[in-house]
Structure formats: structure tokens, C-alpha cells
Amino acid sequence: MGDNAKGYTAALLYSVIIGLSFMYVKIALQYSSSLDLLAHRFTLAFICIATPVLIGKIKLNVSAKNVLKLLPLAFFFPISFFLFQTFGLKLIPSSEAGIIQATTPVFTIIFAILILQEKINYKQGFSVFLSVGGVIFISLINGTSIADFSVWGTIFILGSTMASAIYSVLTRKHVSNYSLYDFTFVMTSLGFVTFNIAAIIEHLVLGTWSISGFYAPFAEKSFVIAVIYLGIPSSFLTGFLVNYSLKKIEASKMSIFNNLAVVIAMVAGAVFLGETIFWYHIVGAAMIIA
């Protein structure tokens, strides 16, 4: 299998995992706050990536200087990406969030042109126009036909989308300077530290901190299943997949696979969570995917 095929395979698997993650986030948020959930999922992801290092199976080649260089990347992914996504999913259905996040290729192409000088042809340009049109169409109909349309929920998911696009472009520029494991280890570790500190600070500010309360959601079977999925496939594994694919294929091409996550998120939300898919969701999604 050639490098391009390997890159596309990694991107495909990434999109499937991310598409299903919307549903699991919605399930987990029934039992946990947004910051607590992020802390738990990245604790699990960190345990997975640190264990081979601790038992001596993998040797890291990471210095403090490397960590400082990668801090700007970590700010966009995982920190901003997951933070905005989790807060957004508290306010809007996962099917709608999936559609909005499908605009990632639009922003990625724009940033790739500006930062990486990647070229696009007229077909790609038309696709950008069509994708934006699909999102605008959904938003306009939403604003006039649904009373509980959430502006902030939409803004948060758009923020998550843009963070993903910027990360894809910047990673494409820098990932070749590091081994895949070193790079992903730093990203995961920074997410683990950031989200745990943020969750603890939130509890201290609200006066709700206690060890038993922090881990209370694990008494619920649905939460355990959701956080395992979000921690291992959706945080640990996707960290490798997105970084690997960006080593093999252009950022603008990799981002196209986010569109598949739209379909998966919509179907999962409807089948497993009982969310309603309206006609304009279908029309808008068709425009984006096309």
C-alpha cells in the first residue's frame, strides 16, 4: 500500500470515529459536566499513550524545547477543538453539530492556501461555495422554523471546526520534524494536563470539589461506555490517525474526510438518540457532501 493510500485509510477511519463521537459526548454529558468529561476522556487517553513509555516499550525523544514549540498546536487541538465541541453539544443536537463541522474542509482550504500555499482548482473552489451554501441554508431555516435554535451552540461548534482546520494546516507544516509517537504523546499530555486543571478549578470556584463527586459518573454504565469510547478511540487513536494522515496527504485533502463524519453523526443521532432529522438537514448535508 502506497503512502497516499495509507494516508487516506487513516483519514477514513478518523472520520468514522469522530462521526460516532458526537453521540457518545451527548450520552456522557447526561452524567457529567463538560470540563469533567474532557478531564476523564483525556486521563484515559494519557494512560493509554503513557503506559508503553512507563514499561519501557517505547522511548520518547521529547525535550522541553519541543513541548514549547508544540504548545500553539495543542491550543487548537486537542484543547480548543474538544472544548468548543463539548460545550456546543450541550446546546445543539449531535446531528446538527455534525453538519456544521462538515465545513472543516472550507476553512482548511482557505488556511492551506494562505499558510502552505497549497493550490486548488475550480472544482475545489466550487465545492467550497457549495459547502458554505449548505451550512447557510441550514442556519437560515433553523433560525426561522425552530424556536430553540441555539446561537451559542452553533458558534461553539464553528469554533471547534476552525480549530480543527488550523491544526490540520499547522501540523502539516511541522509534523515531519517529529516522530509520530512523540508528536501525539505531547498533544495528548497537554490535553490531559489542561482539562484536568480546568475541571478542578471550575469545581473549586463553584465550591463543589470532592474526589467522590468528581468520579461519581463512573457509577453509571452508560457513562463508562461513553468515556471509554471518547478516551481510547476518539482521543487516543484519532490523535495518531490525524497526525499520520497529515504526514502522508495534503491538509486540504485530509479535511475532506470530515464530511463522512456528517453522515455518521446524523444517522447515529437519529438511530440511537432519537433525534429528529428535518428535511433541510438532508438538503444541507447533501450540498456539503456533494
C-alpha atoms as a PDB file:
ATOM      1  CA  MET A   1       0.000   0.000   0.000  1.00  0.00           C
ATOM      2  CA  GLY A   2       1.435   3.390  -1.039  1.00  0.00           C
ATOM      3  CA  ASP A   3       1.797   6.425   1.221  1.00  0.00           C
ATOM      4  CA  ASN A   4      -1.264   8.134  -0.284  1.00  0.00           C
ATOM      5  CA  ALA A   5      -3.431   5.048   0.248  1.00  0.00           C
ATOM      6  CA  LYS A   6      -2.212   4.744   3.842  1.00  0.00           C
ATOM      7  CA  GLY A   7      -2.969   8.412   4.438  1.00  0.00           C
ATOM      8  CA  TYR A   8      -6.478   8.094   3.004  1.00  0.00           C
ATOM      9  CA  THR A   9      -7.149   4.931   5.033  1.00  0.00           C
ATOM     10  CA  ALA A  10      -6.128   6.707   8.248  1.00  0.00           C
ATOM     11  CA  ALA A  11      -8.308   9.715   7.336  1.00  0.00           C
ATOM     12  CA  LEU A  12     -11.276   7.425   6.612  1.00  0.00           C
ATOM     13  CA  LEU A  13     -11.011   5.637   9.951  1.00  0.00           C
ATOM     14  CA  TYR A  14     -10.599   9.003  11.699  1.00  0.00           C
ATOM     15  CA  SER A  15     -13.818  10.332  10.178  1.00  0.00           C
ATOM     16  CA  VAL A  16     -15.811   7.256  11.217  1.00  0.00           C
ATOM     17  CA  ILE A  17     -14.602   7.512  14.830  1.00  0.00           C
ATOM     18  CA  ILE A  18     -15.258  11.265  15.006  1.00  0.00           C
ATOM     19  CA  GLY A  19     -18.726  10.841  13.486  1.00  0.00           C
ATOM     20  CA  LEU A  20     -19.748   8.436  16.250  1.00  0.00           C
ATOM     21  CA  SER A  21     -18.119  10.556  18.963  1.00  0.00           C
ATOM     22  CA  PHE A  22     -20.904  13.172  18.789  1.00  0.00           C
ATOM     23  CA  MET A  23     -23.386  10.592  20.048  1.00  0.00           C
ATOM     24  CA  TYR A  24     -21.143   9.438  22.899  1.00  0.00           C
ATOM     25  CA  VAL A  25     -20.473  13.011  24.007  1.00  0.00           C
ATOM     26  CA  LYS A  26     -24.232  13.606  24.228  1.00  0.00           C
ATOM     27  CA  ILE A  27     -24.642  10.429  26.312  1.00  0.00           C
ATOM     28  CA  ALA A  28     -21.770  11.261  28.675  1.00  0.00           C
ATOM     29  CA  LEU A  29     -22.969  14.837  29.228  1.00  0.00           C
ATOM     30  CA  GLN A  30     -26.126  13.449  30.860  1.00  0.00           C
ATOM     31  CA  TYR A  31     -23.980  12.446  33.841  1.00  0.00           C
ATOM     32  CA  SER A  32     -21.012  14.818  33.805  1.00  0.00           C
ATOM     33  CA  SER A  33     -20.145  18.478  33.262  1.00  0.00           C
ATOM     34  CA  SER A  34     -18.316  19.453  30.077  1.00  0.00           C
ATOM     35  CA  LEU A  35     -14.941  20.038  31.736  1.00  0.00           C
ATOM     36  CA  ASP A  36     -15.196  16.892  33.873  1.00  0.00           C
ATOM     37  CA  LEU A  37     -15.894  14.838  30.761  1.00  0.00           C
ATOM     38  CA  LEU A  38     -12.881  16.291  28.959  1.00  0.00           C
ATOM     39  CA  ALA A  39     -10.718  15.600  32.011  1.00  0.00           C
ATOM     40  CA  HIS A  40     -11.869  11.974  32.210  1.00  0.00           C
ATOM     41  CA  ARG A  41     -11.514  11.212  28.498  1.00  0.00           C
ATOM     42  CA  PHE A  42      -8.013  12.688  28.306  1.00  0.00           C
ATOM     43  CA  THR A  43      -6.952  10.960  31.505  1.00  0.00           C
ATOM     44  CA  LEU A  44      -7.848   7.677  29.835  1.00  0.00           C
ATOM     45  CA  ALA A  45      -6.116   8.718  26.592  1.00  0.00           C
ATOM     46  CA  PHE A  46      -2.990   9.721  28.555  1.00  0.00           C
ATOM     47  CA  ILE A  47      -2.919   6.385  30.390  1.00  0.00           C
ATOM     48  CA  CYS A  48      -3.060   4.591  27.036  1.00  0.00           C
ATOM     49  CA  ILE A  49      -0.230   6.577  25.436  1.00  0.00           C
ATOM     50  CA  ALA A  50       1.980   6.773  28.573  1.00  0.00           C
ATOM     51  CA  THR A  51       1.825   3.082  29.527  1.00  0.00           C
ATOM     52  CA  PRO A  52       4.186   1.822  26.767  1.00  0.00           C
ATOM     53  CA  VAL A  53       6.648   4.555  27.778  1.00  0.00           C
ATOM     54  CA  LEU A  54       6.456   3.722  31.504  1.00  0.00           C
ATOM     55  CA  ILE A  55       7.030  -0.012  30.940  1.00  0.00           C
ATOM     56  CA  GLY A  56       9.967   0.693  28.637  1.00  0.00           C
ATOM     57  CA  LYS A  57       8.441  -0.494  25.360  1.00  0.00           C
ATOM     58  CA  ILE A  58       8.769   2.929  23.718  1.00  0.00           C
ATOM     59  CA  LYS A  59      11.455   5.558  24.303  1.00  0.00           C
ATOM     60  CA  LEU A  60      10.490   9.197  23.866  1.00  0.00           C
ATOM     61  CA  ASN A  61      12.727  11.799  22.297  1.00  0.00           C
ATOM     62  CA  VAL A  62      10.984  14.913  23.582  1.00  0.00           C
ATOM     63  CA  SER A  63      12.633  17.928  25.194  1.00  0.00           C
ATOM     64  CA  ALA A  64      11.167  20.937  26.997  1.00  0.00           C
ATOM     65  CA  LYS A  65      12.031  22.947  23.886  1.00  0.00           C
ATOM     66  CA  ASN A  66       9.933  20.585  21.746  1.00  0.00           C
ATOM     67  CA  VAL A  67       6.977  20.961  24.109  1.00  0.00           C
ATOM     68  CA  LEU A  68       7.157  24.755  23.940  1.00  0.00           C
ATOM     69  CA  LYS A  69       7.238  24.626  20.136  1.00  0.00           C
ATOM     70  CA  LEU A  70       4.148  22.412  20.067  1.00  0.00           C
ATOM     71  CA  LEU A  71       2.113  24.448  22.572  1.00  0.00           C
ATOM     72  CA  PRO A  72       0.449  26.591  19.848  1.00  0.00           C
ATOM     73  CA  LEU A  73      -0.641  23.409  18.045  1.00  0.00           C
ATOM     74  CA  ALA A  74      -2.030  21.898  21.257  1.00  0.00           C
ATOM     75  CA  PHE A  75      -4.031  25.073  21.831  1.00  0.00           C
ATOM     76  CA  PHE A  76      -6.008  24.331  18.654  1.00  0.00           C
ATOM     77  CA  PHE A  77      -6.086  20.513  19.010  1.00  0.00           C
ATOM     78  CA  PRO A  78      -6.931  18.938  21.336  1.00  0.00           C
ATOM     79  CA  ILE A  79      -7.684  21.882  23.654  1.00  0.00           C
ATOM     80  CA  SER A  80      -9.853  24.280  21.588  1.00  0.00           C
ATOM     81  CA  PHE A  81     -11.285  21.567  19.343  1.00  0.00           C
ATOM     82  CA  PHE A  82     -12.656  19.378  22.129  1.00  0.00           C
ATOM     83  CA  LEU A  83     -13.540  22.256  24.454  1.00  0.00           C
ATOM     84  CA  PHE A  84     -15.732  24.004  21.868  1.00  0.00           C
ATOM     85  CA  GLN A  85     -17.175  20.705  20.636  1.00  0.00           C
ATOM     86  CA  THR A  86     -18.194  19.551  24.118  1.00  0.00           C
ATOM     87  CA  PHE A  87     -19.794  22.874  25.097  1.00  0.00           C
ATOM     88  CA  GLY A  88     -21.552  23.076  21.719  1.00  0.00           C
ATOM     89  CA  LEU A  89     -23.028  19.593  22.050  1.00  0.00           C
ATOM     90  CA  LYS A  90     -24.720  20.647  25.288  1.00  0.00           C
ATOM     91  CA  LEU A  91     -26.718  23.204  23.295  1.00  0.00           C
ATOM     92  CA  ILE A  92     -27.496  21.646  19.901  1.00  0.00           C
ATOM     93  CA  PRO A  93     -28.282  18.113  18.605  1.00  0.00           C
ATOM     94  CA  SER A  94     -25.361  15.931  17.528  1.00  0.00           C
ATOM     95  CA  SER A  95     -26.819  15.620  14.013  1.00  0.00           C
ATOM     96  CA  GLU A  96     -26.774  19.405  13.580  1.00  0.00           C
ATOM     97  CA  ALA A  97     -23.295  19.692  15.097  1.00  0.00           C
ATOM     98  CA  GLY A  98     -22.058  17.102  12.618  1.00  0.00           C
ATOM     99  CA  ILE A  99     -23.370  19.104   9.702  1.00  0.00           C
ATOM    100  CA  ILE A 100     -21.747  22.330  10.900  1.00  0.00           C
ATOM    101  CA  GLN A 101     -18.450  20.552  11.471  1.00  0.00           C
ATOM    102  CA  ALA A 102     -18.545  19.415   7.847  1.00  0.00           C
ATOM    103  CA  THR A 103     -17.414  22.913   6.875  1.00  0.00           C
ATOM    104  CA  THR A 104     -13.927  21.992   8.132  1.00  0.00           C
ATOM    105  CA  PRO A 105     -12.658  21.481   4.535  1.00  0.00           C
ATOM    106  CA  VAL A 106     -13.769  25.014   3.670  1.00  0.00           C
ATOM    107  CA  PHE A 107     -11.665  26.592   6.390  1.00  0.00           C
ATOM    108  CA  THR A 108      -8.808  24.136   5.838  1.00  0.00           C
ATOM    109  CA  ILE A 109      -8.545  25.020   2.153  1.00  0.00           C
ATOM    110  CA  ILE A 110      -8.523  28.740   2.984  1.00  0.00           C
ATOM    111  CA  PHE A 111      -5.812  28.348   5.637  1.00  0.00           C
ATOM    112  CA  ALA A 112      -3.826  25.912   3.452  1.00  0.00           C
ATOM    113  CA  ILE A 113      -3.743  28.479   0.650  1.00  0.00           C
ATOM    114  CA  LEU A 114      -2.708  31.289   2.990  1.00  0.00           C
ATOM    115  CA  ILE A 115      -0.159  29.380   5.092  1.00  0.00           C
ATOM    116  CA  LEU A 116       1.053  26.428   2.993  1.00  0.00           C
ATOM    117  CA  GLN A 117       0.478  27.924  -0.475  1.00  0.00           C
ATOM    118  CA  GLU A 118      -1.436  24.797  -1.476  1.00  0.00           C
ATOM    119  CA  LYS A 119      -3.216  25.151  -4.815  1.00  0.00           C
ATOM    120  CA  ILE A 120      -6.881  24.412  -5.508  1.00  0.00           C
ATOM    121  CA  ASN A 121      -8.621  24.024  -8.860  1.00  0.00           C
ATOM    122  CA  TYR A 122     -12.008  25.347  -9.949  1.00  0.00           C
ATOM    123  CA  LYS A 123     -13.775  22.147  -8.838  1.00  0.00           C
ATOM    124  CA  GLN A 124     -12.457  22.588  -5.314  1.00  0.00           C
ATOM    125  CA  GLY A 125     -13.429  26.255  -5.394  1.00  0.00           C
ATOM    126  CA  PHE A 126     -16.975  25.354  -6.419  1.00  0.00           C
ATOM    127  CA  SER A 127     -17.101  22.728  -3.667  1.00  0.00           C
ATOM    128  CA  VAL A 128     -16.180  25.355  -1.100  1.00  0.00           C
ATOM    129  CA  PHE A 129     -19.037  27.536  -2.329  1.00  0.00           C
ATOM    130  CA  LEU A 130     -21.469  24.599  -2.222  1.00  0.00           C
ATOM    131  CA  SER A 131     -20.429  23.584   1.300  1.00  0.00           C
ATOM    132  CA  VAL A 132     -20.811  27.110   2.643  1.00  0.00           C
ATOM    133  CA  GLY A 133     -24.189  27.344   0.904  1.00  0.00           C
ATOM    134  CA  GLY A 134     -25.337  24.159   2.647  1.00  0.00           C
ATOM    135  CA  VAL A 135     -24.456  25.484   6.098  1.00  0.00           C
ATOM    136  CA  ILE A 136     -26.059  28.880   5.385  1.00  0.00           C
ATOM    137  CA  PHE A 137     -29.196  27.118   4.166  1.00  0.00           C
ATOM    138  CA  ILE A 138     -29.464  25.029   7.349  1.00  0.00           C
ATOM    139  CA  SER A 139     -28.813  28.049   9.567  1.00  0.00           C
ATOM    140  CA  LEU A 140     -31.417  30.225   7.830  1.00  0.00           C
ATOM    141  CA  ILE A 141     -34.134  27.579   8.032  1.00  0.00           C
ATOM    142  CA  ASN A 142     -33.185  26.798  11.621  1.00  0.00           C
ATOM    143  CA  GLY A 143     -33.485  30.425  12.618  1.00  0.00           C
ATOM    144  CA  THR A 144     -36.991  30.765  11.237  1.00  0.00           C
ATOM    145  CA  SER A 145     -38.560  27.384  11.971  1.00  0.00           C
ATOM    146  CA  ILE A 146     -37.113  26.159  15.283  1.00  0.00           C
ATOM    147  CA  ALA A 147     -37.801  28.133  18.432  1.00  0.00           C
ATOM    148  CA  ASP A 148     -34.948  26.604  20.407  1.00  0.00           C
ATOM    149  CA  PHE A 149     -32.216  27.278  17.850  1.00  0.00           C
ATOM    150  CA  SER A 150     -29.007  27.955  19.805  1.00  0.00           C
ATOM    151  CA  VAL A 151     -26.744  30.715  18.530  1.00  0.00           C
ATOM    152  CA  TRP A 152     -24.072  29.899  21.110  1.00  0.00           C
ATOM    153  CA  GLY A 153     -24.221  26.191  20.328  1.00  0.00           C
ATOM    154  CA  THR A 154     -23.628  26.960  16.656  1.00  0.00           C
ATOM    155  CA  ILE A 155     -20.778  29.360  17.490  1.00  0.00           C
ATOM    156  CA  PHE A 156     -19.078  26.769  19.715  1.00  0.00           C
ATOM    157  CA  ILE A 157     -19.233  24.075  17.027  1.00  0.00           C
ATOM    158  CA  LEU A 158     -17.938  26.529  14.424  1.00  0.00           C
ATOM    159  CA  GLY A 159     -15.097  27.346  16.816  1.00  0.00           C
ATOM    160  CA  SER A 160     -14.309  23.648  17.062  1.00  0.00           C
ATOM    161  CA  THR A 161     -14.390  23.406  13.280  1.00  0.00           C
ATOM    162  CA  MET A 162     -11.977  26.284  12.762  1.00  0.00           C
ATOM    163  CA  ALA A 163      -9.623  24.932  15.435  1.00  0.00           C
ATOM    164  CA  SER A 164      -9.506  21.624  13.581  1.00  0.00           C
ATOM    165  CA  ALA A 165      -8.786  23.372  10.278  1.00  0.00           C
ATOM    166  CA  ILE A 166      -5.956  25.495  11.696  1.00  0.00           C
ATOM    167  CA  TYR A 167      -4.449  22.459  13.431  1.00  0.00           C
ATOM    168  CA  SER A 168      -4.509  20.442  10.207  1.00  0.00           C
ATOM    169  CA  VAL A 169      -2.628  23.149   8.337  1.00  0.00           C
ATOM    170  CA  LEU A 170      -0.058  23.850  11.066  1.00  0.00           C
ATOM    171  CA  THR A 171       0.500  20.138  11.690  1.00  0.00           C
ATOM    172  CA  ARG A 172       1.122  19.525   8.008  1.00  0.00           C
ATOM    173  CA  LYS A 173       3.873  22.142   8.267  1.00  0.00           C
ATOM    174  CA  HIS A 174       5.568  20.814  11.437  1.00  0.00           C
ATOM    175  CA  VAL A 175       4.744  17.118  11.925  1.00  0.00           C
ATOM    176  CA  SER A 176       7.641  15.899   9.746  1.00  0.00           C
ATOM    177  CA  ASN A 177      10.070  17.259  12.371  1.00  0.00           C
ATOM    178  CA  TYR A 178       8.950  14.733  14.994  1.00  0.00           C
ATOM    179  CA  SER A 179       8.247  11.017  15.274  1.00  0.00           C
ATOM    180  CA  LEU A 180       4.540  10.172  15.183  1.00  0.00           C
ATOM    181  CA  TYR A 181       4.563   8.828  18.756  1.00  0.00           C
ATOM    182  CA  ASP A 182       6.479  11.795  20.193  1.00  0.00           C
ATOM    183  CA  PHE A 183       4.174  14.260  18.479  1.00  0.00           C
ATOM    184  CA  THR A 184       0.975  12.528  19.592  1.00  0.00           C
ATOM    185  CA  PHE A 185       2.325  11.989  23.122  1.00  0.00           C
ATOM    186  CA  VAL A 186       2.904  15.728  23.586  1.00  0.00           C
ATOM    187  CA  MET A 187      -0.543  16.641  22.213  1.00  0.00           C
ATOM    188  CA  THR A 188      -2.317  14.089  24.431  1.00  0.00           C
ATOM    189  CA  SER A 189      -0.312  15.025  27.528  1.00  0.00           C
ATOM    190  CA  LEU A 190      -1.054  18.727  27.118  1.00  0.00           C
ATOM    191  CA  GLY A 191      -4.760  17.933  26.757  1.00  0.00           C
ATOM    192  CA  PHE A 192      -4.647  15.742  29.883  1.00  0.00           C
ATOM    193  CA  VAL A 193      -2.971  18.447  31.996  1.00  0.00           C
ATOM    194  CA  THR A 194      -5.089  21.329  30.660  1.00  0.00           C
ATOM    195  CA  PHE A 195      -8.507  19.709  31.046  1.00  0.00           C
ATOM    196  CA  ASN A 196      -7.841  18.236  34.493  1.00  0.00           C
ATOM    197  CA  ILE A 197      -6.607  21.576  35.842  1.00  0.00           C
ATOM    198  CA  ALA A 198      -9.586  23.369  34.262  1.00  0.00           C
ATOM    199  CA  ALA A 199     -12.071  20.885  35.754  1.00  0.00           C
ATOM    200  CA  ILE A 200     -10.569  21.162  39.225  1.00  0.00           C
ATOM    201  CA  ILE A 201     -10.534  24.980  39.068  1.00  0.00           C
ATOM    202  CA  GLU A 202     -14.202  25.005  37.997  1.00  0.00           C
ATOM    203  CA  HIS A 203     -15.157  22.818  40.985  1.00  0.00           C
ATOM    204  CA  LEU A 204     -13.135  24.963  43.391  1.00  0.00           C
ATOM    205  CA  VAL A 205     -14.771  28.149  42.106  1.00  0.00           C
ATOM    206  CA  LEU A 206     -18.245  26.609  42.428  1.00  0.00           C
ATOM    207  CA  GLY A 207     -17.435  25.036  45.792  1.00  0.00           C
ATOM    208  CA  THR A 208     -18.318  21.553  44.537  1.00  0.00           C
ATOM    209  CA  TRP A 209     -14.921  19.835  44.619  1.00  0.00           C
ATOM    210  CA  SER A 210     -14.667  16.342  46.091  1.00  0.00           C
ATOM    211  CA  ILE A 211     -12.904  13.217  44.866  1.00  0.00           C
ATOM    212  CA  SER A 212     -16.054  11.131  45.204  1.00  0.00           C
ATOM    213  CA  GLY A 213     -18.131  13.687  43.307  1.00  0.00           C
ATOM    214  CA  PHE A 214     -15.552  14.008  40.531  1.00  0.00           C
ATOM    215  CA  TYR A 215     -15.656  10.269  39.856  1.00  0.00           C
ATOM    216  CA  ALA A 216     -19.364   9.757  40.656  1.00  0.00           C
ATOM    217  CA  PRO A 217     -20.428   9.487  36.967  1.00  0.00           C
ATOM    218  CA  PHE A 218     -18.450   6.233  36.694  1.00  0.00           C
ATOM    219  CA  ALA A 219     -21.211   4.565  38.692  1.00  0.00           C
ATOM    220  CA  GLU A 220     -23.354   4.796  35.553  1.00  0.00           C
ATOM    221  CA  LYS A 221     -22.754   2.069  32.951  1.00  0.00           C
ATOM    222  CA  SER A 222     -23.717   4.348  30.042  1.00  0.00           C
ATOM    223  CA  PHE A 223     -21.152   6.927  31.135  1.00  0.00           C
ATOM    224  CA  VAL A 224     -18.402   4.321  31.455  1.00  0.00           C
ATOM    225  CA  ILE A 225     -19.067   3.018  27.932  1.00  0.00           C
ATOM    226  CA  ALA A 226     -19.175   6.563  26.529  1.00  0.00           C
ATOM    227  CA  VAL A 227     -15.997   7.764  28.247  1.00  0.00           C
ATOM    228  CA  ILE A 228     -14.094   4.616  27.187  1.00  0.00           C
ATOM    229  CA  TYR A 229     -15.054   5.313  23.579  1.00  0.00           C
ATOM    230  CA  LEU A 230     -14.210   9.004  23.888  1.00  0.00           C
ATOM    231  CA  GLY A 231     -10.936   8.331  25.695  1.00  0.00           C
ATOM    232  CA  ILE A 232      -9.493   5.488  23.631  1.00  0.00           C
ATOM    233  CA  PRO A 233     -10.743   5.548  20.017  1.00  0.00           C
ATOM    234  CA  SER A 234     -11.881   9.183  19.913  1.00  0.00           C
ATOM    235  CA  SER A 235      -8.926  10.827  21.713  1.00  0.00           C
ATOM    236  CA  PHE A 236      -6.011   8.384  21.838  1.00  0.00           C
ATOM    237  CA  LEU A 237      -6.416   6.635  18.485  1.00  0.00           C
ATOM    238  CA  THR A 238      -7.600   9.632  16.462  1.00  0.00           C
ATOM    239  CA  GLY A 239      -4.541  11.550  17.668  1.00  0.00           C
ATOM    240  CA  PHE A 240      -2.380   9.054  15.782  1.00  0.00           C
ATOM    241  CA  LEU A 241      -4.699   8.848  12.787  1.00  0.00           C
ATOM    242  CA  VAL A 242      -4.950  12.577  12.113  1.00  0.00           C
ATOM    243  CA  ASN A 243      -1.211  13.137  12.571  1.00  0.00           C
ATOM    244  CA  TYR A 244      -0.332  10.126  10.404  1.00  0.00           C
ATOM    245  CA  SER A 245      -2.679  11.146   7.589  1.00  0.00           C
ATOM    246  CA  LEU A 246      -1.282  14.689   7.635  1.00  0.00           C
ATOM    247  CA  LYS A 247       2.178  13.232   7.136  1.00  0.00           C
ATOM    248  CA  LYS A 248       1.012  11.416   4.008  1.00  0.00           C
ATOM    249  CA  ILE A 249      -1.527  13.699   2.296  1.00  0.00           C
ATOM    250  CA  GLU A 250      -2.241  17.419   1.964  1.00  0.00           C
ATOM    251  CA  ALA A 251      -4.212  19.182   4.704  1.00  0.00           C
ATOM    252  CA  SER A 252      -6.960  20.195   2.256  1.00  0.00           C
ATOM    253  CA  LYS A 253      -7.426  16.574   1.115  1.00  0.00           C
ATOM    254  CA  MET A 254      -7.398  15.125   4.626  1.00  0.00           C
ATOM    255  CA  SER A 255     -10.047  17.591   5.792  1.00  0.00           C
ATOM    256  CA  ILE A 256     -12.495  16.376   3.125  1.00  0.00           C
ATOM    257  CA  PHE A 257     -12.968  13.194   5.140  1.00  0.00           C
ATOM    258  CA  ASN A 258     -14.714  15.204   7.845  1.00  0.00           C
ATOM    259  CA  ASN A 259     -17.708  15.205   5.515  1.00  0.00           C
ATOM    260  CA  LEU A 260     -18.193  11.482   6.067  1.00  0.00           C
ATOM    261  CA  ALA A 261     -18.462  12.215   9.796  1.00  0.00           C
ATOM    262  CA  VAL A 262     -21.564  14.296   8.996  1.00  0.00           C
ATOM    263  CA  VAL A 263     -23.483  11.308   7.680  1.00  0.00           C
ATOM    264  CA  ILE A 264     -22.360   9.098  10.552  1.00  0.00           C
ATOM    265  CA  ALA A 265     -23.249  11.738  13.174  1.00  0.00           C
ATOM    266  CA  MET A 266     -26.694  12.305  11.649  1.00  0.00           C
ATOM    267  CA  VAL A 267     -27.525   8.590  11.423  1.00  0.00           C
ATOM    268  CA  ALA A 268     -26.177   7.824  14.916  1.00  0.00           C
ATOM    269  CA  GLY A 269     -28.082  10.752  16.431  1.00  0.00           C
ATOM    270  CA  ALA A 270     -31.327   9.650  14.791  1.00  0.00           C
ATOM    271  CA  VAL A 271     -30.997   5.890  15.375  1.00  0.00           C
ATOM    272  CA  PHE A 272     -29.531   5.794  18.893  1.00  0.00           C
ATOM    273  CA  LEU A 273     -30.554   9.121  20.455  1.00  0.00           C
ATOM    274  CA  GLY A 274     -33.954   9.578  18.819  1.00  0.00           C
ATOM    275  CA  GLU A 275     -33.015  12.990  17.386  1.00  0.00           C
ATOM    276  CA  THR A 276     -35.137  14.349  14.559  1.00  0.00           C
ATOM    277  CA  ILE A 277     -33.583  14.958  11.154  1.00  0.00           C
ATOM    278  CA  PHE A 278     -35.566  17.608   9.306  1.00  0.00           C
ATOM    279  CA  TRP A 279     -35.805  17.944   5.526  1.00  0.00           C
ATOM    280  CA  TYR A 280     -33.459  20.936   5.493  1.00  0.00           C
ATOM    281  CA  HIS A 281     -30.793  18.931   7.349  1.00  0.00           C
ATOM    282  CA  ILE A 282     -30.888  16.421   4.500  1.00  0.00           C
ATOM    283  CA  VAL A 283     -30.779  19.078   1.787  1.00  0.00           C
ATOM    284  CA  GLY A 284     -27.974  20.992   3.505  1.00  0.00           C
ATOM    285  CA  ALA A 285     -25.986  17.819   4.173  1.00  0.00           C
ATOM    286  CA  ALA A 286     -26.358  16.791   0.522  1.00  0.00           C
ATOM    287  CA  MET A 287     -24.927  20.160  -0.559  1.00  0.00           C
ATOM    288  CA  ILE A 288     -21.996  19.832   1.849  1.00  0.00           C
ATOM    289  CA  ILE A 289     -21.192  16.235   0.929  1.00  0.00           C
ATOM    290  CA  ALA A 290     -21.544  16.915  -2.795  1.00  0.00           C
END
